């Protein structure tokens, strides 16, 4: 069910679908689009150039980054195991999880979000087929820093697909999807890029992953095969 339709800067028409906003022209990227998903003007019809060469062509690396405390490790567990598990603490260095699909092996590489680790993000971006950027929707004070780090990271690659996960949507005071779109200035990330913004939330450990996380997993798998 469509909850609202509004204008989102240069990206054109965006549609909030059960708490999830997907910023991309789905029909241009994947062909058929979901029944309830409207296309977004001017987003991501290009093909990424200059991607790094993996050691194995069937291994598709996805870089997972974001500030410390955003919930990257928990999201990564959800994506790979289809169940919820909250992380006990911040990732100190790197965390790699491989997910096999019929078409390829998806290698999710998480790099910690502490200040001393952020310079590693750009080192691994050229080898990645997509970027997953996780933000804490309730961390208002550090959203400007999250914006700065995201824009700085992708400025050297105008076409790498970006999936922004607005995590912790269930927390009191969490910014809405439209507010996060504005706070992160996603409209400034370029018209050539495939760009998606998806709301996720934390639920009880051991539960089935939320629909939004499953949507994100399927989306990422399709993105890296384009």
N, C-alpha and C. Protein backbone atom coordinates (compact mmCIF):
# COMPACT_ATOMS: atom_id res chain seq x y z
N UNK A 1 0.85 -1.18 0.00
CA UNK A 1 0.00 0.00 0.00
C UNK A 1 0.89 1.24 0.00
N UNK A 2 0.56 2.21 -0.83
CA UNK A 2 1.31 3.45 -0.87
C UNK A 2 0.85 4.34 0.27
N UNK A 3 1.82 4.85 1.06
CA UNK A 3 1.47 5.68 2.19
C UNK A 3 1.53 7.16 1.85
N UNK A 4 2.46 7.55 0.99
CA UNK A 4 2.54 8.95 0.65
C UNK A 4 3.39 9.10 -0.60
N UNK A 5 3.15 10.21 -1.30
CA UNK A 5 3.95 10.53 -2.47
C UNK A 5 4.40 11.97 -2.32
N UNK A 6 5.69 12.24 -2.57
CA UNK A 6 6.17 13.58 -2.41
C UNK A 6 7.32 13.83 -3.36
N UNK A 7 7.77 15.08 -3.45
CA UNK A 7 8.90 15.44 -4.29
C UNK A 7 10.18 15.37 -3.48
N UNK A 8 11.23 14.83 -4.06
CA UNK A 8 12.50 14.67 -3.35
C UNK A 8 13.62 15.28 -4.16
N UNK A 9 13.68 16.60 -4.22
CA UNK A 9 14.77 17.31 -4.85
C UNK A 9 14.97 16.92 -6.29
N UNK A 10 16.25 16.77 -6.69
CA UNK A 10 16.59 16.49 -8.07
C UNK A 10 16.23 15.08 -8.49
N UNK A 11 15.96 14.20 -7.51
CA UNK A 11 15.66 12.82 -7.86
C UNK A 11 14.25 12.65 -8.38
N UNK A 12 13.42 13.68 -8.24
CA UNK A 12 12.08 13.60 -8.80
C UNK A 12 11.11 12.92 -7.85
N UNK A 13 10.14 12.22 -8.43
CA UNK A 13 9.07 11.64 -7.62
C UNK A 13 9.59 10.44 -6.85
N UNK A 14 9.32 10.41 -5.56
CA UNK A 14 9.71 9.28 -4.72
C UNK A 14 8.45 8.72 -4.09
N UNK A 15 8.46 7.44 -3.81
CA UNK A 15 7.28 6.81 -3.26
C UNK A 15 7.63 6.11 -1.96
N UNK A 16 6.89 6.40 -0.89
CA UNK A 16 7.09 5.72 0.38
C UNK A 16 6.22 4.48 0.38
N UNK A 17 6.85 3.33 0.43
CA UNK A 17 6.13 2.06 0.31
C UNK A 17 6.32 1.28 1.60
N UNK A 18 5.29 1.30 2.46
CA UNK A 18 5.31 0.58 3.72
C UNK A 18 6.58 0.87 4.51
N UNK A 19 6.96 2.14 4.56
CA UNK A 19 8.13 2.55 5.33
C UNK A 19 9.43 2.43 4.57
N UNK A 20 9.39 2.04 3.32
CA UNK A 20 10.61 1.86 2.53
C UNK A 20 10.55 2.76 1.31
N UNK A 21 11.58 3.54 1.07
CA UNK A 21 11.64 4.36 -0.13
C UNK A 21 12.77 3.85 -1.00
N UNK A 22 12.48 3.59 -2.24
CA UNK A 22 13.50 3.16 -3.18
C UNK A 22 13.69 4.25 -4.20
N UNK A 23 14.86 4.87 -4.23
CA UNK A 23 15.14 5.94 -5.16
C UNK A 23 15.86 5.36 -6.37
N UNK A 24 15.12 4.99 -7.38
CA UNK A 24 15.74 4.52 -8.62
C UNK A 24 14.66 4.25 -9.64
N UNK A 25 15.05 4.28 -10.90
CA UNK A 25 14.12 3.91 -11.96
C UNK A 25 14.20 2.40 -12.12
N UNK A 26 13.43 1.69 -11.33
CA UNK A 26 13.51 0.25 -11.26
C UNK A 26 13.33 -0.40 -12.63
N UNK A 27 12.39 0.15 -13.40
CA UNK A 27 12.11 -0.47 -14.70
C UNK A 27 13.29 -0.30 -15.65
N UNK A 28 14.06 0.78 -15.52
CA UNK A 28 15.22 0.98 -16.38
C UNK A 28 16.39 0.10 -15.97
N UNK A 29 16.46 -0.23 -14.68
CA UNK A 29 17.59 -1.01 -14.18
C UNK A 29 17.35 -2.49 -14.34
N UNK A 30 16.19 -2.97 -13.90
CA UNK A 30 15.93 -4.40 -13.84
C UNK A 30 14.87 -4.90 -14.82
N UNK A 31 14.21 -4.01 -15.55
CA UNK A 31 13.15 -4.45 -16.44
C UNK A 31 11.82 -4.30 -15.77
N UNK A 32 11.23 -5.41 -15.33
CA UNK A 32 9.93 -5.34 -14.67
C UNK A 32 10.08 -4.73 -13.30
N UNK A 33 9.13 -3.91 -12.89
CA UNK A 33 9.19 -3.30 -11.57
C UNK A 33 8.05 -3.86 -10.72
N UNK A 34 8.24 -3.85 -9.36
CA UNK A 34 7.17 -4.33 -8.49
C UNK A 34 5.89 -3.55 -8.74
N UNK A 35 4.79 -4.20 -8.51
CA UNK A 35 3.48 -3.65 -8.84
C UNK A 35 3.22 -2.31 -8.18
N UNK A 36 3.66 -2.14 -6.90
CA UNK A 36 3.35 -0.93 -6.15
C UNK A 36 4.48 0.09 -6.16
N UNK A 37 5.52 -0.12 -6.95
CA UNK A 37 6.68 0.77 -6.91
C UNK A 37 6.70 1.68 -8.12
N UNK A 38 6.67 2.99 -7.87
CA UNK A 38 6.70 3.95 -8.96
C UNK A 38 8.14 4.29 -9.31
N UNK A 39 8.45 4.53 -10.60
CA UNK A 39 9.81 4.86 -10.99
C UNK A 39 10.18 6.27 -10.54
N UNK A 40 11.48 6.49 -10.37
CA UNK A 40 11.99 7.79 -9.98
C UNK A 40 12.72 8.40 -11.15
N UNK A 41 12.39 9.63 -11.47
CA UNK A 41 12.99 10.29 -12.62
C UNK A 41 14.45 10.59 -12.37
N UNK A 42 15.29 10.30 -13.37
CA UNK A 42 16.67 10.73 -13.36
C UNK A 42 17.61 9.98 -12.47
N UNK A 43 17.20 8.84 -11.92
CA UNK A 43 18.08 8.13 -11.00
C UNK A 43 18.60 6.86 -11.62
N UNK A 44 19.91 6.80 -11.76
CA UNK A 44 20.61 5.55 -11.97
C UNK A 44 20.35 4.76 -13.20
N UNK A 45 20.36 5.31 -14.37
CA UNK A 45 20.22 4.49 -15.57
C UNK A 45 21.57 4.08 -16.14
N UNK A 46 22.67 4.61 -15.59
CA UNK A 46 24.00 4.34 -16.14
C UNK A 46 24.58 3.05 -15.64
N UNK A 47 25.66 2.61 -16.29
CA UNK A 47 26.39 1.43 -15.88
C UNK A 47 27.69 1.88 -15.27
N UNK A 48 28.08 1.31 -14.15
CA UNK A 48 29.27 1.74 -13.46
C UNK A 48 30.51 1.45 -14.30
N UNK A 49 31.40 2.44 -14.36
CA UNK A 49 32.65 2.27 -15.08
C UNK A 49 33.81 2.19 -14.11
N UNK A 50 34.86 1.49 -14.52
CA UNK A 50 36.09 1.46 -13.75
C UNK A 50 36.03 0.61 -12.50
N UNK A 51 35.13 -0.39 -12.45
CA UNK A 51 35.06 -1.25 -11.29
C UNK A 51 36.31 -2.11 -11.20
N UNK A 52 36.70 -2.42 -9.96
CA UNK A 52 37.87 -3.26 -9.77
C UNK A 52 37.62 -4.67 -10.27
N UNK A 53 38.69 -5.41 -10.55
CA UNK A 53 38.57 -6.78 -11.03
C UNK A 53 38.74 -7.74 -9.87
N UNK A 54 37.72 -8.54 -9.58
CA UNK A 54 37.80 -9.50 -8.51
C UNK A 54 38.69 -10.67 -8.92
N UNK A 55 39.28 -11.36 -7.91
CA UNK A 55 40.09 -12.53 -8.20
C UNK A 55 39.25 -13.61 -8.86
N UNK A 56 38.02 -13.71 -8.48
CA UNK A 56 37.08 -14.66 -9.07
C UNK A 56 35.92 -13.86 -9.62
N UNK A 57 35.63 -14.02 -10.90
CA UNK A 57 34.58 -13.22 -11.52
C UNK A 57 33.21 -13.49 -10.92
N UNK A 58 33.05 -14.65 -10.28
CA UNK A 58 31.76 -14.98 -9.67
C UNK A 58 31.61 -14.39 -8.28
N UNK A 59 32.67 -13.81 -7.74
CA UNK A 59 32.61 -13.17 -6.43
C UNK A 59 32.34 -11.69 -6.61
N UNK A 60 31.24 -11.22 -6.06
CA UNK A 60 30.85 -9.82 -6.18
C UNK A 60 30.95 -9.16 -4.80
N UNK A 61 31.89 -8.24 -4.66
CA UNK A 61 32.10 -7.59 -3.37
C UNK A 61 31.16 -6.41 -3.18
N UNK A 62 30.55 -6.35 -2.01
CA UNK A 62 29.71 -5.23 -1.61
C UNK A 62 30.32 -4.61 -0.37
N UNK A 63 30.64 -3.33 -0.43
CA UNK A 63 31.24 -2.64 0.70
C UNK A 63 30.14 -2.13 1.64
N UNK A 64 30.26 -2.47 2.92
CA UNK A 64 29.27 -2.07 3.93
C UNK A 64 29.96 -1.16 4.94
N UNK A 65 29.59 0.12 4.96
CA UNK A 65 30.23 1.06 5.86
C UNK A 65 29.19 1.99 6.48
N UNK A 66 29.65 2.83 7.37
CA UNK A 66 28.81 3.77 8.09
C UNK A 66 29.48 4.09 9.41
N UNK A 67 29.03 5.12 10.08
CA UNK A 67 29.65 5.50 11.35
C UNK A 67 29.51 4.40 12.38
N UNK A 68 30.41 4.38 13.34
CA UNK A 68 30.33 3.41 14.43
C UNK A 68 29.00 3.59 15.17
N UNK A 69 28.38 2.47 15.51
CA UNK A 69 27.10 2.51 16.21
C UNK A 69 25.89 2.57 15.33
N UNK A 70 26.09 2.58 14.01
CA UNK A 70 24.93 2.67 13.10
C UNK A 70 24.17 1.35 13.01
N UNK A 71 24.84 0.24 13.35
CA UNK A 71 24.19 -1.07 13.29
C UNK A 71 24.60 -1.89 12.09
N UNK A 72 25.79 -1.66 11.56
CA UNK A 72 26.25 -2.36 10.35
C UNK A 72 26.36 -3.86 10.56
N UNK A 73 26.95 -4.29 11.68
CA UNK A 73 27.16 -5.71 11.91
C UNK A 73 25.84 -6.45 12.04
N UNK A 74 24.89 -5.85 12.75
CA UNK A 74 23.56 -6.47 12.90
C UNK A 74 22.86 -6.58 11.55
N UNK A 75 22.93 -5.52 10.74
CA UNK A 75 22.33 -5.55 9.42
C UNK A 75 22.99 -6.62 8.56
N UNK A 76 24.31 -6.74 8.65
CA UNK A 76 25.04 -7.73 7.87
C UNK A 76 24.62 -9.15 8.26
N UNK A 77 24.45 -9.39 9.54
CA UNK A 77 23.97 -10.69 10.00
C UNK A 77 22.58 -10.97 9.45
N UNK A 78 21.72 -9.95 9.48
CA UNK A 78 20.36 -10.11 8.96
C UNK A 78 20.39 -10.48 7.48
N UNK A 79 21.22 -9.78 6.71
CA UNK A 79 21.30 -10.03 5.27
C UNK A 79 21.79 -11.43 4.95
N UNK A 80 22.71 -11.93 5.76
CA UNK A 80 23.35 -13.20 5.44
C UNK A 80 22.65 -14.42 6.03
N UNK A 81 21.93 -14.23 7.15
CA UNK A 81 21.36 -15.38 7.84
C UNK A 81 19.84 -15.38 7.91
N UNK A 82 19.22 -14.30 7.45
CA UNK A 82 17.76 -14.20 7.45
C UNK A 82 17.15 -14.24 8.84
N UNK A 83 17.97 -14.05 9.86
CA UNK A 83 17.46 -13.93 11.23
C UNK A 83 18.11 -12.73 11.88
N UNK A 84 17.49 -12.25 12.95
CA UNK A 84 17.97 -11.04 13.60
C UNK A 84 18.93 -11.38 14.73
N UNK A 85 20.06 -10.68 14.76
CA UNK A 85 21.00 -10.80 15.87
C UNK A 85 21.66 -9.44 16.06
N UNK A 86 21.55 -8.91 17.25
CA UNK A 86 22.15 -7.61 17.53
C UNK A 86 23.62 -7.79 17.88
N UNK A 87 24.43 -6.85 17.44
CA UNK A 87 25.86 -6.90 17.71
C UNK A 87 26.14 -6.50 19.15
N UNK A 88 27.13 -7.15 19.76
CA UNK A 88 27.49 -6.84 21.14
C UNK A 88 28.40 -5.61 21.26
N UNK A 89 28.99 -5.20 20.16
CA UNK A 89 29.92 -4.08 20.22
C UNK A 89 30.34 -3.65 18.83
N UNK A 90 31.13 -2.59 18.75
CA UNK A 90 31.55 -2.07 17.44
C UNK A 90 32.55 -2.99 16.75
N UNK A 91 32.55 -2.95 15.42
CA UNK A 91 33.54 -3.70 14.65
C UNK A 91 34.87 -2.97 14.77
N UNK A 92 35.89 -3.70 15.24
CA UNK A 92 37.18 -3.07 15.48
C UNK A 92 38.00 -2.91 14.21
N UNK A 93 37.81 -3.80 13.25
CA UNK A 93 38.56 -3.70 11.99
C UNK A 93 37.65 -4.03 10.82
N UNK A 94 37.69 -5.33 10.39
CA UNK A 94 36.94 -5.77 9.23
C UNK A 94 36.06 -6.95 9.60
N UNK A 95 35.01 -7.12 8.83
CA UNK A 95 34.11 -8.26 8.99
C UNK A 95 33.62 -8.65 7.61
N UNK A 96 33.82 -9.88 7.22
CA UNK A 96 33.45 -10.32 5.87
C UNK A 96 32.48 -11.50 5.94
N UNK A 97 31.39 -11.41 5.21
CA UNK A 97 30.38 -12.47 5.16
C UNK A 97 30.08 -12.77 3.69
N UNK A 98 30.08 -14.05 3.33
CA UNK A 98 29.79 -14.46 1.96
C UNK A 98 28.41 -15.11 1.90
N UNK A 99 27.65 -14.71 0.89
CA UNK A 99 26.31 -15.26 0.67
C UNK A 99 26.27 -15.80 -0.75
N UNK A 100 25.98 -17.07 -0.91
CA UNK A 100 25.93 -17.69 -2.23
C UNK A 100 24.52 -17.60 -2.81
N UNK A 101 24.44 -17.18 -4.04
CA UNK A 101 23.19 -17.20 -4.79
C UNK A 101 23.36 -18.10 -6.00
N UNK A 102 22.29 -18.26 -6.77
CA UNK A 102 22.39 -19.09 -7.97
C UNK A 102 23.35 -18.49 -9.00
N UNK A 103 23.43 -17.17 -9.03
CA UNK A 103 24.23 -16.49 -10.05
C UNK A 103 25.66 -16.21 -9.61
N UNK A 104 25.86 -15.96 -8.31
CA UNK A 104 27.19 -15.52 -7.88
C UNK A 104 27.32 -15.67 -6.37
N UNK A 105 28.52 -15.37 -5.90
CA UNK A 105 28.79 -15.33 -4.46
C UNK A 105 28.93 -13.87 -4.06
N UNK A 106 28.08 -13.43 -3.15
CA UNK A 106 28.11 -12.05 -2.68
C UNK A 106 29.01 -11.96 -1.46
N UNK A 107 30.02 -11.12 -1.56
CA UNK A 107 30.97 -10.93 -0.47
C UNK A 107 30.72 -9.58 0.18
N UNK A 108 30.08 -9.59 1.34
CA UNK A 108 29.80 -8.36 2.07
C UNK A 108 31.00 -8.05 2.95
N UNK A 109 31.69 -6.96 2.64
CA UNK A 109 32.85 -6.55 3.41
C UNK A 109 32.48 -5.34 4.27
N UNK A 110 32.42 -5.57 5.57
CA UNK A 110 32.13 -4.48 6.50
C UNK A 110 33.44 -3.95 7.07
N UNK A 111 33.57 -2.64 7.07
CA UNK A 111 34.72 -1.99 7.69
C UNK A 111 34.20 -1.11 8.82
N UNK A 112 34.86 -1.19 9.96
CA UNK A 112 34.44 -0.44 11.13
C UNK A 112 34.29 1.05 10.85
N UNK A 113 33.44 1.71 11.64
CA UNK A 113 33.12 3.10 11.40
C UNK A 113 33.82 4.08 12.31
N UNK A 114 34.75 3.59 13.13
CA UNK A 114 35.52 4.50 13.98
C UNK A 114 36.38 5.43 13.15
N UNK A 115 36.74 6.55 13.72
CA UNK A 115 37.48 7.57 12.97
C UNK A 115 38.77 7.02 12.38
N UNK A 116 39.45 6.14 13.10
CA UNK A 116 40.74 5.62 12.64
C UNK A 116 40.59 4.63 11.49
N UNK A 117 39.38 4.16 11.24
CA UNK A 117 39.16 3.13 10.21
C UNK A 117 38.55 3.69 8.93
N UNK A 118 38.04 4.91 8.97
CA UNK A 118 37.28 5.41 7.83
C UNK A 118 38.13 5.61 6.58
N UNK A 119 39.44 5.82 6.75
CA UNK A 119 40.28 6.01 5.57
C UNK A 119 40.43 4.72 4.78
N UNK A 120 40.10 3.57 5.39
CA UNK A 120 40.13 2.29 4.68
C UNK A 120 38.96 2.16 3.71
N UNK A 121 37.88 2.89 3.95
CA UNK A 121 36.68 2.77 3.11
C UNK A 121 37.02 3.00 1.64
N UNK A 122 37.69 4.11 1.37
CA UNK A 122 37.98 4.47 -0.02
C UNK A 122 38.96 3.50 -0.68
N UNK A 123 39.79 2.83 0.13
CA UNK A 123 40.73 1.85 -0.43
C UNK A 123 40.02 0.66 -1.03
N UNK A 124 38.88 0.28 -0.45
CA UNK A 124 38.16 -0.91 -0.89
C UNK A 124 37.02 -0.60 -1.84
N UNK A 125 36.68 0.67 -1.99
CA UNK A 125 35.56 1.02 -2.86
C UNK A 125 35.79 0.63 -4.32
N UNK A 126 36.99 0.81 -4.90
CA UNK A 126 37.17 0.48 -6.33
C UNK A 126 36.93 -0.99 -6.65
N UNK A 127 37.10 -1.89 -5.68
CA UNK A 127 36.88 -3.31 -5.92
C UNK A 127 35.42 -3.73 -5.70
N UNK A 128 34.60 -2.80 -5.25
CA UNK A 128 33.24 -3.14 -4.87
C UNK A 128 32.26 -2.88 -6.00
N UNK A 129 31.25 -3.73 -6.10
CA UNK A 129 30.21 -3.58 -7.12
C UNK A 129 29.06 -2.71 -6.64
N UNK A 130 28.98 -2.52 -5.33
CA UNK A 130 27.92 -1.67 -4.75
C UNK A 130 28.37 -1.23 -3.37
N UNK A 131 27.79 -0.12 -2.92
CA UNK A 131 28.07 0.41 -1.59
C UNK A 131 26.80 0.38 -0.77
N UNK A 132 26.87 -0.22 0.42
CA UNK A 132 25.78 -0.18 1.38
C UNK A 132 26.23 0.74 2.52
N UNK A 133 25.49 1.84 2.70
CA UNK A 133 25.86 2.83 3.70
C UNK A 133 24.77 2.85 4.77
N UNK A 134 25.16 2.54 6.01
CA UNK A 134 24.20 2.40 7.11
C UNK A 134 24.26 3.63 8.00
N UNK A 135 23.11 4.21 8.31
CA UNK A 135 23.05 5.35 9.22
C UNK A 135 22.08 5.05 10.36
N UNK A 136 22.35 5.64 11.50
CA UNK A 136 21.47 5.54 12.67
C UNK A 136 20.43 6.65 12.56
N UNK A 137 19.18 6.28 12.32
CA UNK A 137 18.13 7.26 12.09
C UNK A 137 17.85 8.14 13.30
N UNK A 138 18.24 7.67 14.49
CA UNK A 138 17.96 8.42 15.72
C UNK A 138 19.14 9.24 16.19
N UNK A 139 20.28 9.12 15.52
CA UNK A 139 21.48 9.84 15.94
C UNK A 139 21.54 11.19 15.20
N UNK A 140 20.75 12.14 15.68
CA UNK A 140 20.65 13.43 15.01
C UNK A 140 21.96 14.20 15.02
N UNK A 141 22.68 14.12 16.13
CA UNK A 141 23.87 14.94 16.28
C UNK A 141 24.98 14.56 15.31
N UNK A 142 25.01 13.28 14.89
CA UNK A 142 26.10 12.84 14.01
C UNK A 142 25.65 12.67 12.56
N UNK A 143 24.40 13.03 12.26
CA UNK A 143 23.95 12.91 10.88
C UNK A 143 24.76 13.80 9.93
N UNK A 144 25.13 15.02 10.32
CA UNK A 144 25.99 15.82 9.44
C UNK A 144 27.32 15.13 9.14
N UNK A 145 27.89 14.44 10.13
CA UNK A 145 29.14 13.71 9.90
C UNK A 145 28.90 12.53 8.97
N UNK A 146 27.78 11.84 9.15
CA UNK A 146 27.44 10.73 8.26
C UNK A 146 27.30 11.21 6.83
N UNK A 147 26.68 12.36 6.66
CA UNK A 147 26.54 12.96 5.33
C UNK A 147 27.91 13.27 4.74
N UNK A 148 28.75 13.91 5.51
CA UNK A 148 30.08 14.30 5.04
C UNK A 148 30.88 13.08 4.58
N UNK A 149 30.87 12.02 5.39
CA UNK A 149 31.65 10.83 5.07
C UNK A 149 31.11 10.14 3.81
N UNK A 150 29.79 10.11 3.65
CA UNK A 150 29.19 9.48 2.48
C UNK A 150 29.57 10.25 1.21
N UNK A 151 29.40 11.54 1.22
CA UNK A 151 29.68 12.35 0.03
C UNK A 151 31.16 12.30 -0.32
N UNK A 152 32.00 12.33 0.69
CA UNK A 152 33.44 12.27 0.46
C UNK A 152 33.84 10.92 -0.14
N UNK A 153 33.20 9.85 0.32
CA UNK A 153 33.53 8.51 -0.14
C UNK A 153 33.19 8.30 -1.61
N UNK A 154 32.03 8.78 -2.05
CA UNK A 154 31.57 8.48 -3.41
C UNK A 154 31.96 9.54 -4.43
N UNK A 155 32.59 10.61 -4.00
CA UNK A 155 32.88 11.70 -4.94
C UNK A 155 33.81 11.27 -6.07
N UNK A 156 34.62 10.24 -5.84
CA UNK A 156 35.53 9.79 -6.88
C UNK A 156 34.94 8.76 -7.82
N UNK A 157 33.72 8.31 -7.56
CA UNK A 157 33.06 7.32 -8.40
C UNK A 157 31.62 7.76 -8.62
N UNK A 158 31.37 8.28 -9.80
CA UNK A 158 30.07 8.92 -10.06
C UNK A 158 28.95 7.93 -10.32
N UNK A 159 29.27 6.65 -10.46
CA UNK A 159 28.22 5.72 -10.88
C UNK A 159 28.07 4.48 -10.00
N UNK A 160 28.90 4.30 -9.00
CA UNK A 160 28.75 3.11 -8.16
C UNK A 160 27.36 3.12 -7.51
N UNK A 161 26.62 2.02 -7.58
CA UNK A 161 25.29 1.97 -6.94
C UNK A 161 25.42 2.14 -5.43
N UNK A 162 24.51 2.88 -4.85
CA UNK A 162 24.52 3.14 -3.41
C UNK A 162 23.18 2.75 -2.81
N UNK A 163 23.22 1.93 -1.77
CA UNK A 163 22.03 1.58 -1.00
C UNK A 163 22.22 2.14 0.40
N UNK A 164 21.45 3.15 0.74
CA UNK A 164 21.51 3.74 2.08
C UNK A 164 20.46 3.06 2.95
N UNK A 165 20.90 2.49 4.06
CA UNK A 165 19.98 1.86 5.00
C UNK A 165 19.79 2.80 6.19
N UNK A 166 18.60 3.35 6.30
CA UNK A 166 18.26 4.21 7.43
C UNK A 166 17.84 3.30 8.58
N UNK A 167 18.80 2.91 9.39
CA UNK A 167 18.59 1.90 10.41
C UNK A 167 17.96 2.49 11.68
N UNK A 168 17.43 1.61 12.51
CA UNK A 168 16.85 1.96 13.82
C UNK A 168 15.63 2.87 13.67
N UNK A 169 14.83 2.58 12.65
CA UNK A 169 13.61 3.37 12.42
C UNK A 169 12.59 3.21 13.55
N UNK A 170 12.77 2.17 14.37
CA UNK A 170 11.82 1.92 15.45
C UNK A 170 12.10 2.74 16.70
N UNK A 171 13.26 3.38 16.78
CA UNK A 171 13.61 4.11 17.99
C UNK A 171 12.86 5.44 18.09
N UNK A 172 12.58 5.83 19.32
CA UNK A 172 11.91 7.11 19.55
C UNK A 172 12.80 8.26 19.06
N UNK A 173 12.21 9.16 18.32
CA UNK A 173 12.95 10.30 17.82
C UNK A 173 13.67 10.06 16.50
N UNK A 174 13.52 8.86 15.96
CA UNK A 174 14.18 8.56 14.69
C UNK A 174 13.62 9.44 13.59
N UNK A 175 14.50 9.95 12.74
CA UNK A 175 14.06 10.73 11.61
C UNK A 175 13.36 9.84 10.60
N UNK A 176 12.37 10.38 9.93
CA UNK A 176 11.66 9.64 8.90
C UNK A 176 12.56 9.47 7.67
N UNK A 177 12.11 8.63 6.74
CA UNK A 177 12.88 8.40 5.52
C UNK A 177 13.06 9.69 4.73
N UNK A 178 12.00 10.46 4.61
CA UNK A 178 12.09 11.71 3.85
C UNK A 178 13.03 12.70 4.53
N UNK A 179 13.02 12.73 5.86
CA UNK A 179 13.92 13.62 6.59
C UNK A 179 15.37 13.21 6.41
N UNK A 180 15.63 11.91 6.41
CA UNK A 180 16.99 11.42 6.22
C UNK A 180 17.48 11.72 4.81
N UNK A 181 16.58 11.56 3.84
CA UNK A 181 16.93 11.92 2.46
C UNK A 181 17.41 13.36 2.39
N UNK A 182 16.72 14.23 3.11
CA UNK A 182 17.09 15.64 3.10
C UNK A 182 18.37 15.88 3.89
N UNK A 183 18.48 15.26 5.07
CA UNK A 183 19.64 15.47 5.92
C UNK A 183 20.94 14.99 5.26
N UNK A 184 20.86 13.92 4.49
CA UNK A 184 22.03 13.38 3.82
C UNK A 184 22.27 14.02 2.45
N UNK A 185 21.35 14.88 2.03
CA UNK A 185 21.45 15.55 0.71
C UNK A 185 21.69 14.52 -0.39
N UNK A 186 20.87 13.48 -0.41
CA UNK A 186 21.05 12.41 -1.39
C UNK A 186 20.82 12.88 -2.82
N UNK A 187 20.05 13.96 -2.97
CA UNK A 187 19.80 14.48 -4.32
C UNK A 187 21.07 15.00 -4.96
N UNK A 188 22.10 15.22 -4.16
CA UNK A 188 23.35 15.77 -4.69
C UNK A 188 24.35 14.69 -5.11
N UNK A 189 23.98 13.43 -4.97
CA UNK A 189 24.92 12.35 -5.27
C UNK A 189 24.98 12.00 -6.74
N UNK A 190 24.21 12.65 -7.58
CA UNK A 190 24.35 12.48 -9.03
C UNK A 190 23.23 11.71 -9.68
N UNK A 191 22.87 12.13 -10.89
CA UNK A 191 21.78 11.50 -11.63
C UNK A 191 22.17 10.20 -12.30
N UNK A 192 23.47 9.97 -12.49
CA UNK A 192 23.92 8.75 -13.17
C UNK A 192 23.92 7.54 -12.25
N UNK A 193 23.79 7.77 -10.97
CA UNK A 193 23.95 6.72 -9.98
C UNK A 193 22.64 5.99 -9.69
N UNK A 194 22.70 4.68 -9.51
CA UNK A 194 21.57 3.93 -8.97
C UNK A 194 21.58 4.15 -7.47
N UNK A 195 20.54 4.78 -6.96
CA UNK A 195 20.52 5.22 -5.57
C UNK A 195 19.23 4.78 -4.89
N UNK A 196 19.38 4.13 -3.75
CA UNK A 196 18.22 3.62 -3.02
C UNK A 196 18.33 4.02 -1.55
N UNK A 197 17.20 4.32 -0.94
CA UNK A 197 17.14 4.61 0.49
C UNK A 197 16.06 3.73 1.09
N UNK A 198 16.47 2.89 2.04
CA UNK A 198 15.56 1.90 2.62
C UNK A 198 15.57 2.03 4.15
N UNK A 199 14.40 2.06 4.75
CA UNK A 199 14.29 2.12 6.20
C UNK A 199 14.33 0.73 6.81
N UNK A 200 15.15 0.53 7.83
CA UNK A 200 15.22 -0.75 8.54
C UNK A 200 15.05 -0.49 10.03
N UNK A 201 14.76 -1.55 10.76
CA UNK A 201 14.58 -1.38 12.19
C UNK A 201 15.04 -2.61 12.95
N UNK A 202 15.25 -2.43 14.23
CA UNK A 202 15.74 -3.49 15.10
C UNK A 202 14.55 -4.20 15.73
N UNK A 203 14.57 -5.54 15.67
CA UNK A 203 13.53 -6.32 16.33
C UNK A 203 14.20 -7.39 17.19
N UNK A 204 13.42 -8.20 17.83
CA UNK A 204 13.93 -9.16 18.81
C UNK A 204 14.88 -10.17 18.16
N UNK A 205 15.96 -10.48 18.86
CA UNK A 205 16.93 -11.46 18.36
C UNK A 205 16.24 -12.78 18.05
N UNK A 206 16.67 -13.40 16.95
CA UNK A 206 16.13 -14.70 16.55
C UNK A 206 14.89 -14.62 15.69
N UNK A 207 14.32 -13.45 15.57
CA UNK A 207 13.13 -13.28 14.76
C UNK A 207 13.47 -13.31 13.27
N UNK A 208 12.46 -13.52 12.45
CA UNK A 208 12.66 -13.41 11.01
C UNK A 208 12.97 -11.97 10.67
N UNK A 209 13.85 -11.76 9.69
CA UNK A 209 14.24 -10.40 9.34
C UNK A 209 13.04 -9.63 8.81
N UNK A 210 13.01 -8.31 9.03
CA UNK A 210 11.90 -7.49 8.52
C UNK A 210 11.84 -7.55 7.00
N UNK A 211 10.67 -7.28 6.46
CA UNK A 211 10.49 -7.27 5.01
C UNK A 211 11.44 -6.29 4.34
N UNK A 212 11.68 -5.14 4.97
CA UNK A 212 12.55 -4.14 4.38
C UNK A 212 13.97 -4.66 4.19
N UNK A 213 14.45 -5.47 5.14
CA UNK A 213 15.80 -6.03 5.03
C UNK A 213 15.84 -7.07 3.92
N UNK A 214 14.79 -7.87 3.81
CA UNK A 214 14.72 -8.84 2.72
C UNK A 214 14.69 -8.13 1.37
N UNK A 215 13.94 -7.03 1.30
CA UNK A 215 13.91 -6.23 0.07
C UNK A 215 15.31 -5.73 -0.27
N UNK A 216 16.03 -5.26 0.76
CA UNK A 216 17.38 -4.75 0.54
C UNK A 216 18.31 -5.85 0.04
N UNK A 217 18.18 -7.03 0.59
CA UNK A 217 19.02 -8.15 0.18
C UNK A 217 18.78 -8.51 -1.28
N UNK A 218 17.52 -8.59 -1.68
CA UNK A 218 17.20 -8.92 -3.06
C UNK A 218 17.65 -7.82 -4.01
N UNK A 219 17.50 -6.58 -3.57
CA UNK A 219 17.93 -5.44 -4.39
C UNK A 219 19.43 -5.47 -4.63
N UNK A 220 20.20 -5.67 -3.56
CA UNK A 220 21.66 -5.70 -3.68
C UNK A 220 22.10 -6.81 -4.61
N UNK A 221 21.49 -7.99 -4.49
CA UNK A 221 21.85 -9.11 -5.34
C UNK A 221 21.63 -8.75 -6.81
N UNK A 222 20.56 -8.06 -7.11
CA UNK A 222 20.28 -7.67 -8.49
C UNK A 222 21.22 -6.58 -8.97
N UNK A 223 21.56 -5.65 -8.08
CA UNK A 223 22.45 -4.55 -8.45
C UNK A 223 23.81 -5.05 -8.89
N UNK A 224 24.38 -5.98 -8.16
CA UNK A 224 25.75 -6.42 -8.46
C UNK A 224 25.82 -7.29 -9.69
N UNK A 225 24.67 -7.78 -10.16
CA UNK A 225 24.66 -8.62 -11.37
C UNK A 225 24.41 -7.81 -12.62
N UNK A 226 24.13 -6.52 -12.47
CA UNK A 226 23.86 -5.68 -13.65
C UNK A 226 25.14 -5.44 -14.45
